Amino acid sequence: MNIGIDQKQAGNIAAVLNQYLADLKTLHAKLQNYHWNLKGSAFFALHAKYEEFYDHLAEEVDEVAERILTLDQQPIGTLKGFLAAAKITEAKDEPISADDSARAVLADFEYLVRELRSAIEVAEENNDPGTADLFTGSMTYYEKNCWMLRAQLQK
């Protein structure tokens, strides 16, 4: 690989990308769980919104894994690997209220925003504006949806 990023830099970036990938895969499953098990007055709005979120995550997962491969590194590819690396936790297999699920998704999105800010720094420190750009786009997506979830939760 000769794209201006050495193997050490690529490894540093891939470590952050794999952490993010694991969190995305776990959040994808959590959002599907909430989509299926949602109860309450905001069911129609959040049921559709959670589907939108997990569809977005499916595309983002692919983009992140392919970025890791672009850096000639290996993405995590097993459920066991994702769960071992993820900092986002799974949801229980049980009914959940609209407000409780929205609060949980908001907390996970806020976590992703904080992690992405740090990940941008790692990408920039390792001479990788392409990955920094990927992280920046993701960060703005989650920031906007944090605002929307906070608005949903206001009484």
N, C-alpha and C. Protein backbone atom coordinates (compact mmCIF):
# COMPACT_ATOMS: atom_id res chain seq x y z
N MET A 1 0.85 -1.18 0.00
CA MET A 1 0.00 0.00 0.00
C MET A 1 0.89 1.23 0.00
N ASN A 2 0.63 2.13 -0.92
CA ASN A 2 1.42 3.35 -1.01
C ASN A 2 0.48 4.53 -1.25
N ILE A 3 -0.26 4.90 -0.19
CA ILE A 3 -1.21 6.01 -0.29
C ILE A 3 -0.84 7.16 0.65
N GLY A 4 0.41 7.15 1.13
CA GLY A 4 0.87 8.23 2.00
C GLY A 4 0.60 8.00 3.47
N ILE A 5 0.18 6.80 3.82
CA ILE A 5 -0.05 6.42 5.21
C ILE A 5 0.74 5.15 5.44
N ASP A 6 1.66 5.17 6.41
CA ASP A 6 2.46 3.97 6.63
C ASP A 6 1.66 2.93 7.45
N GLN A 7 2.23 1.75 7.59
CA GLN A 7 1.54 0.64 8.26
C GLN A 7 1.21 0.96 9.71
N LYS A 8 2.11 1.64 10.40
CA LYS A 8 1.85 2.00 11.80
C LYS A 8 0.66 2.96 11.88
N GLN A 9 0.66 3.97 11.01
CA GLN A 9 -0.45 4.91 10.99
C GLN A 9 -1.75 4.19 10.63
N ALA A 10 -1.69 3.33 9.63
CA ALA A 10 -2.88 2.59 9.22
C ALA A 10 -3.41 1.73 10.37
N GLY A 11 -2.51 1.12 11.12
CA GLY A 11 -2.93 0.32 12.28
C GLY A 11 -3.59 1.16 13.35
N ASN A 12 -3.04 2.36 13.60
CA ASN A 12 -3.63 3.27 14.59
C ASN A 12 -5.05 3.67 14.18
N ILE A 13 -5.19 3.99 12.91
CA ILE A 13 -6.50 4.42 12.40
C ILE A 13 -7.47 3.25 12.40
N ALA A 14 -7.01 2.07 11.98
CA ALA A 14 -7.88 0.90 11.93
C ALA A 14 -8.38 0.51 13.32
N ALA A 15 -7.57 0.71 14.34
CA ALA A 15 -8.01 0.40 15.70
C ALA A 15 -9.23 1.25 16.07
N VAL A 16 -9.18 2.52 15.73
CA VAL A 16 -10.29 3.43 16.02
C VAL A 16 -11.50 3.08 15.14
N LEU A 17 -11.24 2.79 13.88
CA LEU A 17 -12.32 2.41 12.98
C LEU A 17 -13.00 1.12 13.43
N ASN A 18 -12.23 0.14 13.89
CA ASN A 18 -12.82 -1.12 14.36
C ASN A 18 -13.65 -0.93 15.62
N GLN A 19 -13.20 -0.05 16.51
CA GLN A 19 -14.00 0.27 17.69
C GLN A 19 -15.34 0.86 17.27
N TYR A 20 -15.26 1.79 16.34
CA TYR A 20 -16.48 2.44 15.83
C TYR A 20 -17.38 1.41 15.13
N LEU A 21 -16.78 0.54 14.34
CA LEU A 21 -17.53 -0.50 13.64
C LEU A 21 -18.27 -1.40 14.63
N ALA A 22 -17.60 -1.81 15.69
CA ALA A 22 -18.23 -2.66 16.70
C ALA A 22 -19.41 -1.95 17.37
N ASP A 23 -19.22 -0.67 17.68
CA ASP A 23 -20.31 0.10 18.28
C ASP A 23 -21.49 0.24 17.31
N LEU A 24 -21.19 0.47 16.04
CA LEU A 24 -22.26 0.60 15.05
C LEU A 24 -23.05 -0.70 14.90
N LYS A 25 -22.36 -1.83 14.84
CA LYS A 25 -23.05 -3.12 14.69
C LYS A 25 -23.94 -3.41 15.90
N THR A 26 -23.44 -3.09 17.08
CA THR A 26 -24.22 -3.33 18.29
C THR A 26 -25.42 -2.39 18.34
N LEU A 27 -25.21 -1.13 17.98
CA LEU A 27 -26.31 -0.17 17.96
C LEU A 27 -27.35 -0.55 16.90
N HIS A 28 -26.90 -1.08 15.79
CA HIS A 28 -27.83 -1.54 14.75
C HIS A 28 -28.79 -2.59 15.32
N ALA A 29 -28.25 -3.56 16.03
CA ALA A 29 -29.09 -4.60 16.64
C ALA A 29 -30.01 -4.01 17.70
N LYS A 30 -29.49 -3.07 18.48
CA LYS A 30 -30.30 -2.43 19.52
C LYS A 30 -31.48 -1.68 18.90
N LEU A 31 -31.22 -0.96 17.83
CA LEU A 31 -32.29 -0.20 17.18
C LEU A 31 -33.35 -1.12 16.57
N GLN A 32 -32.93 -2.24 16.01
CA GLN A 32 -33.92 -3.20 15.51
C GLN A 32 -34.75 -3.76 16.66
N ASN A 33 -34.11 -4.04 17.77
CA ASN A 33 -34.81 -4.53 18.95
C ASN A 33 -35.86 -3.51 19.39
N TYR A 34 -35.47 -2.24 19.49
CA TYR A 34 -36.42 -1.20 19.88
C TYR A 34 -37.54 -1.07 18.85
N HIS A 35 -37.21 -1.16 17.59
CA HIS A 35 -38.20 -1.07 16.51
C HIS A 35 -39.27 -2.15 16.69
N TRP A 36 -38.85 -3.35 17.04
CA TRP A 36 -39.78 -4.47 17.21
C TRP A 36 -40.55 -4.41 18.53
N ASN A 37 -39.91 -3.93 19.60
CA ASN A 37 -40.48 -4.04 20.94
C ASN A 37 -41.03 -2.74 21.50
N LEU A 38 -41.12 -1.72 20.69
CA LEU A 38 -41.57 -0.40 21.11
C LEU A 38 -43.05 -0.40 21.50
N LYS A 39 -43.36 0.28 22.58
CA LYS A 39 -44.74 0.45 23.06
C LYS A 39 -44.94 1.91 23.44
N GLY A 40 -46.18 2.38 23.33
CA GLY A 40 -46.49 3.71 23.84
C GLY A 40 -47.00 4.69 22.81
N SER A 41 -47.24 5.90 23.29
CA SER A 41 -47.92 6.92 22.49
C SER A 41 -47.12 7.41 21.28
N ALA A 42 -45.83 7.31 21.32
CA ALA A 42 -45.00 7.77 20.19
C ALA A 42 -44.60 6.60 19.28
N PHE A 43 -45.34 5.49 19.38
CA PHE A 43 -44.99 4.30 18.61
C PHE A 43 -44.81 4.60 17.12
N PHE A 44 -45.80 5.22 16.50
CA PHE A 44 -45.74 5.40 15.05
C PHE A 44 -44.54 6.24 14.64
N ALA A 45 -44.28 7.32 15.34
CA ALA A 45 -43.15 8.19 14.99
C ALA A 45 -41.82 7.48 15.20
N LEU A 46 -41.65 6.86 16.36
CA LEU A 46 -40.35 6.25 16.67
C LEU A 46 -40.14 4.93 15.94
N HIS A 47 -41.20 4.18 15.72
CA HIS A 47 -41.07 2.92 14.97
C HIS A 47 -40.45 3.21 13.60
N ALA A 48 -40.96 4.20 12.92
CA ALA A 48 -40.43 4.58 11.60
C ALA A 48 -39.04 5.18 11.72
N LYS A 49 -38.82 6.00 12.73
CA LYS A 49 -37.52 6.66 12.90
C LYS A 49 -36.44 5.62 13.20
N TYR A 50 -36.73 4.64 14.03
CA TYR A 50 -35.73 3.62 14.34
C TYR A 50 -35.37 2.80 13.11
N GLU A 51 -36.36 2.55 12.25
CA GLU A 51 -36.06 1.86 11.00
C GLU A 51 -35.13 2.72 10.14
N GLU A 52 -35.41 4.01 10.08
CA GLU A 52 -34.53 4.93 9.34
C GLU A 52 -33.11 4.89 9.91
N PHE A 53 -33.01 4.91 11.24
CA PHE A 53 -31.69 4.86 11.89
C PHE A 53 -30.96 3.56 11.55
N TYR A 54 -31.63 2.41 11.69
CA TYR A 54 -30.88 1.17 11.46
C TYR A 54 -30.57 0.96 9.99
N ASP A 55 -31.39 1.49 9.10
CA ASP A 55 -31.03 1.45 7.68
C ASP A 55 -29.77 2.29 7.42
N HIS A 56 -29.71 3.46 8.03
CA HIS A 56 -28.52 4.31 7.91
C HIS A 56 -27.29 3.58 8.46
N LEU A 57 -27.46 2.96 9.62
CA LEU A 57 -26.34 2.25 10.24
C LEU A 57 -25.84 1.11 9.36
N ALA A 58 -26.73 0.40 8.70
CA ALA A 58 -26.31 -0.70 7.82
C ALA A 58 -25.38 -0.18 6.73
N GLU A 59 -25.72 0.96 6.16
CA GLU A 59 -24.86 1.56 5.13
C GLU A 59 -23.54 2.05 5.73
N GLU A 60 -23.62 2.65 6.91
CA GLU A 60 -22.41 3.17 7.53
C GLU A 60 -21.46 2.04 7.94
N VAL A 61 -22.00 0.94 8.42
CA VAL A 61 -21.18 -0.22 8.77
C VAL A 61 -20.35 -0.66 7.57
N ASP A 62 -20.99 -0.75 6.42
CA ASP A 62 -20.29 -1.16 5.21
C ASP A 62 -19.20 -0.15 4.83
N GLU A 63 -19.51 1.12 4.94
CA GLU A 63 -18.54 2.17 4.61
C GLU A 63 -17.33 2.11 5.54
N VAL A 64 -17.56 1.90 6.83
CA VAL A 64 -16.47 1.85 7.80
C VAL A 64 -15.61 0.61 7.56
N ALA A 65 -16.23 -0.54 7.35
CA ALA A 65 -15.47 -1.77 7.09
C ALA A 65 -14.63 -1.63 5.82
N GLU A 66 -15.21 -1.03 4.79
CA GLU A 66 -14.46 -0.84 3.55
C GLU A 66 -13.33 0.16 3.71
N ARG A 67 -13.50 1.14 4.59
CA ARG A 67 -12.40 2.08 4.87
C ARG A 67 -11.24 1.35 5.53
N ILE A 68 -11.55 0.45 6.45
CA ILE A 68 -10.50 -0.35 7.10
C ILE A 68 -9.75 -1.16 6.05
N LEU A 69 -10.47 -1.78 5.15
CA LEU A 69 -9.84 -2.56 4.08
C LEU A 69 -9.02 -1.68 3.14
N THR A 70 -9.48 -0.46 2.90
CA THR A 70 -8.74 0.49 2.07
C THR A 70 -7.37 0.78 2.67
N LEU A 71 -7.30 0.75 4.00
CA LEU A 71 -6.05 0.98 4.71
C LEU A 71 -5.22 -0.30 4.83
N ASP A 72 -5.63 -1.35 4.13
CA ASP A 72 -4.95 -2.65 4.14
C ASP A 72 -4.92 -3.27 5.54
N GLN A 73 -6.03 -3.09 6.26
CA GLN A 73 -6.19 -3.63 7.60
C GLN A 73 -7.42 -4.54 7.60
N GLN A 74 -7.65 -5.23 8.71
CA GLN A 74 -8.72 -6.21 8.80
C GLN A 74 -9.86 -5.71 9.68
N PRO A 75 -11.07 -5.59 9.13
CA PRO A 75 -12.20 -5.21 9.98
C PRO A 75 -12.68 -6.39 10.81
N ILE A 76 -13.23 -6.09 11.97
CA ILE A 76 -13.91 -7.11 12.76
C ILE A 76 -15.06 -7.63 11.91
N GLY A 77 -15.31 -8.94 11.94
CA GLY A 77 -16.34 -9.48 11.08
C GLY A 77 -17.25 -10.50 11.73
N THR A 78 -17.12 -10.69 13.04
CA THR A 78 -17.98 -11.68 13.71
C THR A 78 -18.79 -11.01 14.81
N LEU A 79 -19.94 -11.59 15.11
CA LEU A 79 -20.76 -11.06 16.20
C LEU A 79 -19.99 -11.10 17.52
N LYS A 80 -19.27 -12.19 17.74
CA LYS A 80 -18.46 -12.32 18.95
C LYS A 80 -17.44 -11.19 19.02
N GLY A 81 -16.79 -10.91 17.90
CA GLY A 81 -15.81 -9.83 17.86
C GLY A 81 -16.44 -8.47 18.09
N PHE A 82 -17.60 -8.24 17.49
CA PHE A 82 -18.28 -6.96 17.68
C PHE A 82 -18.65 -6.76 19.15
N LEU A 83 -19.24 -7.77 19.75
CA LEU A 83 -19.67 -7.65 21.15
C LEU A 83 -18.49 -7.48 22.09
N ALA A 84 -17.38 -8.13 21.78
CA ALA A 84 -16.19 -8.00 22.64
C ALA A 84 -15.61 -6.59 22.56
N ALA A 85 -15.67 -5.97 21.40
CA ALA A 85 -15.05 -4.66 21.21
C ALA A 85 -15.99 -3.49 21.51
N ALA A 86 -17.28 -3.70 21.40
CA ALA A 86 -18.24 -2.60 21.52
C ALA A 86 -18.30 -2.05 22.93
N LYS A 87 -18.45 -0.74 23.00
CA LYS A 87 -18.72 -0.07 24.27
C LYS A 87 -20.22 0.18 24.43
N ILE A 88 -20.93 0.25 23.31
CA ILE A 88 -22.39 0.32 23.35
C ILE A 88 -22.89 -1.06 23.74
N THR A 89 -23.89 -1.09 24.62
CA THR A 89 -24.40 -2.37 25.11
C THR A 89 -25.69 -2.75 24.38
N GLU A 90 -25.97 -4.04 24.40
CA GLU A 90 -27.19 -4.55 23.79
C GLU A 90 -28.41 -4.14 24.62
N ALA A 91 -29.57 -4.17 23.98
CA ALA A 91 -30.84 -3.95 24.66
C ALA A 91 -31.43 -5.30 25.07
N LYS A 92 -32.27 -5.28 26.08
CA LYS A 92 -32.95 -6.51 26.50
C LYS A 92 -34.06 -6.85 25.51
N ASP A 93 -34.35 -8.14 25.41
CA ASP A 93 -35.45 -8.61 24.55
C ASP A 93 -36.76 -8.50 25.32
N GLU A 94 -37.29 -7.28 25.38
CA GLU A 94 -38.54 -7.05 26.11
C GLU A 94 -39.17 -5.75 25.63
N PRO A 95 -40.45 -5.58 25.88
CA PRO A 95 -41.09 -4.32 25.50
C PRO A 95 -40.40 -3.13 26.16
N ILE A 96 -40.38 -2.01 25.44
CA ILE A 96 -39.77 -0.79 25.96
C ILE A 96 -40.65 0.39 25.57
N SER A 97 -40.76 1.35 26.48
CA SER A 97 -41.58 2.53 26.20
C SER A 97 -40.87 3.44 25.20
N ALA A 98 -41.66 4.26 24.54
CA ALA A 98 -41.11 5.21 23.58
C ALA A 98 -40.08 6.11 24.25
N ASP A 99 -40.43 6.66 25.41
CA ASP A 99 -39.50 7.58 26.08
C ASP A 99 -38.23 6.87 26.53
N ASP A 100 -38.36 5.68 27.10
CA ASP A 100 -37.16 4.96 27.55
C ASP A 100 -36.26 4.62 26.38
N SER A 101 -36.86 4.20 25.28
CA SER A 101 -36.03 3.86 24.12
C SER A 101 -35.39 5.11 23.54
N ALA A 102 -36.13 6.20 23.46
CA ALA A 102 -35.56 7.45 22.92
C ALA A 102 -34.42 7.95 23.79
N ARG A 103 -34.57 7.85 25.11
CA ARG A 103 -33.48 8.25 26.01
C ARG A 103 -32.24 7.37 25.80
N ALA A 104 -32.45 6.08 25.62
CA ALA A 104 -31.33 5.16 25.41
C ALA A 104 -30.63 5.44 24.08
N VAL A 105 -31.41 5.67 23.03
CA VAL A 105 -30.81 5.98 21.72
C VAL A 105 -30.08 7.31 21.79
N LEU A 106 -30.67 8.29 22.45
CA LEU A 106 -30.01 9.58 22.61
C LEU A 106 -28.67 9.41 23.33
N ALA A 107 -28.63 8.65 24.40
CA ALA A 107 -27.38 8.42 25.12
C ALA A 107 -26.34 7.75 24.23
N ASP A 108 -26.76 6.79 23.43
CA ASP A 108 -25.82 6.12 22.52
C ASP A 108 -25.33 7.07 21.42
N PHE A 109 -26.22 7.88 20.88
CA PHE A 109 -25.80 8.84 19.85
C PHE A 109 -24.85 9.88 20.44
N GLU A 110 -25.13 10.35 21.65
CA GLU A 110 -24.22 11.31 22.29
C GLU A 110 -22.85 10.68 22.53
N TYR A 111 -22.84 9.43 22.95
CA TYR A 111 -21.58 8.70 23.10
C TYR A 111 -20.83 8.66 21.78
N LEU A 112 -21.53 8.33 20.68
CA LEU A 112 -20.87 8.28 19.38
C LEU A 112 -20.28 9.63 19.00
N VAL A 113 -21.00 10.70 19.26
CA VAL A 113 -20.48 12.04 18.94
C VAL A 113 -19.18 12.29 19.70
N ARG A 114 -19.15 11.97 20.98
CA ARG A 114 -17.92 12.17 21.77
C ARG A 114 -16.78 11.31 21.23
N GLU A 115 -17.07 10.05 20.92
CA GLU A 115 -16.04 9.16 20.39
C GLU A 115 -15.56 9.62 19.02
N LEU A 116 -16.46 10.11 18.21
CA LEU A 116 -16.07 10.58 16.88
C LEU A 116 -15.18 11.81 16.95
N ARG A 117 -15.41 12.68 17.91
CA ARG A 117 -14.51 13.84 18.08
C ARG A 117 -13.08 13.36 18.34
N SER A 118 -12.94 12.38 19.20
CA SER A 118 -11.61 11.82 19.48
C SER A 118 -11.06 11.08 18.26
N ALA A 119 -11.91 10.37 17.56
CA ALA A 119 -11.48 9.62 16.38
C ALA A 119 -10.98 10.54 15.28
N ILE A 120 -11.61 11.69 15.12
CA ILE A 120 -11.16 12.68 14.14
C ILE A 120 -9.72 13.10 14.45
N GLU A 121 -9.44 13.33 15.72
CA GLU A 121 -8.08 13.70 16.12
C GLU A 121 -7.08 12.60 15.78
N VAL A 122 -7.44 11.35 16.04
CA VAL A 122 -6.54 10.23 15.72
C VAL A 122 -6.28 10.18 14.22
N ALA A 123 -7.33 10.32 13.42
CA ALA A 123 -7.16 10.29 11.97
C ALA A 123 -6.25 11.43 11.50
N GLU A 124 -6.47 12.62 12.04
CA GLU A 124 -5.64 13.76 11.64
C GLU A 124 -4.19 13.59 12.08
N GLU A 125 -3.98 13.08 13.29
CA GLU A 125 -2.62 12.85 13.80
C GLU A 125 -1.88 11.80 12.97
N ASN A 126 -2.62 10.94 12.29
CA ASN A 126 -2.02 9.87 11.50
C ASN A 126 -2.12 10.13 9.99
N ASN A 127 -2.24 11.40 9.63
CA ASN A 127 -2.16 11.82 8.23
C ASN A 127 -3.25 11.21 7.36
N ASP A 128 -4.49 11.13 7.89
CA ASP A 128 -5.57 10.51 7.14
C ASP A 128 -6.81 11.41 7.09
N PRO A 129 -6.78 12.42 6.23
CA PRO A 129 -7.95 13.29 6.12
C PRO A 129 -9.18 12.57 5.58
N GLY A 130 -8.99 11.49 4.83
CA GLY A 130 -10.14 10.73 4.31
C GLY A 130 -10.96 10.13 5.43
N THR A 131 -10.28 9.49 6.39
CA THR A 131 -11.00 8.92 7.53
C THR A 131 -11.55 10.02 8.42
N ALA A 132 -10.79 11.11 8.59
CA ALA A 132 -11.30 12.24 9.37
C ALA A 132 -12.59 12.77 8.77
N ASP A 133 -12.65 12.82 7.43
CA ASP A 133 -13.86 13.28 6.75
C ASP A 133 -15.02 12.31 6.99
N LEU A 134 -14.76 11.02 6.91
CA LEU A 134 -15.79 10.01 7.19
C LEU A 134 -16.34 10.22 8.60
N PHE A 135 -15.43 10.38 9.57
CA PHE A 135 -15.85 10.58 10.96
C PHE A 135 -16.63 11.89 11.13
N THR A 136 -16.20 12.94 10.44
CA THR A 136 -16.88 14.23 10.56
C THR A 136 -18.31 14.15 10.03
N GLY A 137 -18.48 13.50 8.89
CA GLY A 137 -19.84 13.34 8.35
C GLY A 137 -20.73 12.55 9.30
N SER A 138 -20.18 11.51 9.89
CA SER A 138 -20.94 10.71 10.85
C SER A 138 -21.29 11.53 12.08
N MET A 139 -20.33 12.30 12.56
CA MET A 139 -20.56 13.11 13.75
C MET A 139 -21.70 14.09 13.54
N THR A 140 -21.73 14.77 12.39
CA THR A 140 -22.80 15.74 12.15
C THR A 140 -24.16 15.04 12.03
N TYR A 141 -24.19 13.84 11.47
CA TYR A 141 -25.44 13.07 11.41
C TYR A 141 -25.96 12.78 12.82
N TYR A 142 -25.09 12.30 13.70
CA TYR A 142 -25.53 11.95 15.05
C TYR A 142 -25.83 13.19 15.89
N GLU A 143 -25.09 14.28 15.68
CA GLU A 143 -25.41 15.52 16.39
C GLU A 143 -26.83 15.98 16.05
N LYS A 144 -27.16 15.98 14.77
CA LYS A 144 -28.50 16.42 14.34
C LYS A 144 -29.57 15.52 14.94
N ASN A 145 -29.33 14.23 14.96
CA ASN A 145 -30.34 13.32 15.50
C ASN A 145 -30.41 13.38 17.03
N CYS A 146 -29.34 13.79 17.69
CA CYS A 146 -29.42 14.06 19.13
C CYS A 146 -30.39 15.20 19.39
N TRP A 147 -30.27 16.25 18.61
CA TRP A 147 -31.19 17.39 18.74
C TRP A 147 -32.64 16.92 18.55
N MET A 148 -32.88 16.11 17.53
CA MET A 148 -34.24 15.65 17.25
C MET A 148 -34.77 14.76 18.38
N LEU A 149 -33.92 13.90 18.91
CA LEU A 149 -34.36 13.04 20.02
C LEU A 149 -34.63 13.86 21.27
N ARG A 150 -33.79 14.87 21.54
CA ARG A 150 -34.06 15.73 22.69
C ARG A 150 -35.40 16.44 22.52
N ALA A 151 -35.69 16.90 21.30
CA ALA A 151 -36.98 17.55 21.04
C ALA A 151 -38.14 16.57 21.25
N GLN A 152 -37.97 15.34 20.83
CA GLN A 152 -38.99 14.31 21.01
C GLN A 152 -39.27 14.07 22.49
N LEU A 153 -38.24 14.15 23.31
CA LEU A 153 -38.38 13.85 24.73
C LEU A 153 -38.92 15.01 25.56
N GLN A 154 -38.98 16.21 24.99
CA GLN A 154 -39.50 17.35 25.74
C GLN A 154 -41.00 17.19 25.95
N LYS A 155 -41.43 17.51 27.13
CA LYS A 155 -42.87 17.40 27.48
C LYS A 155 -43.54 18.74 27.36
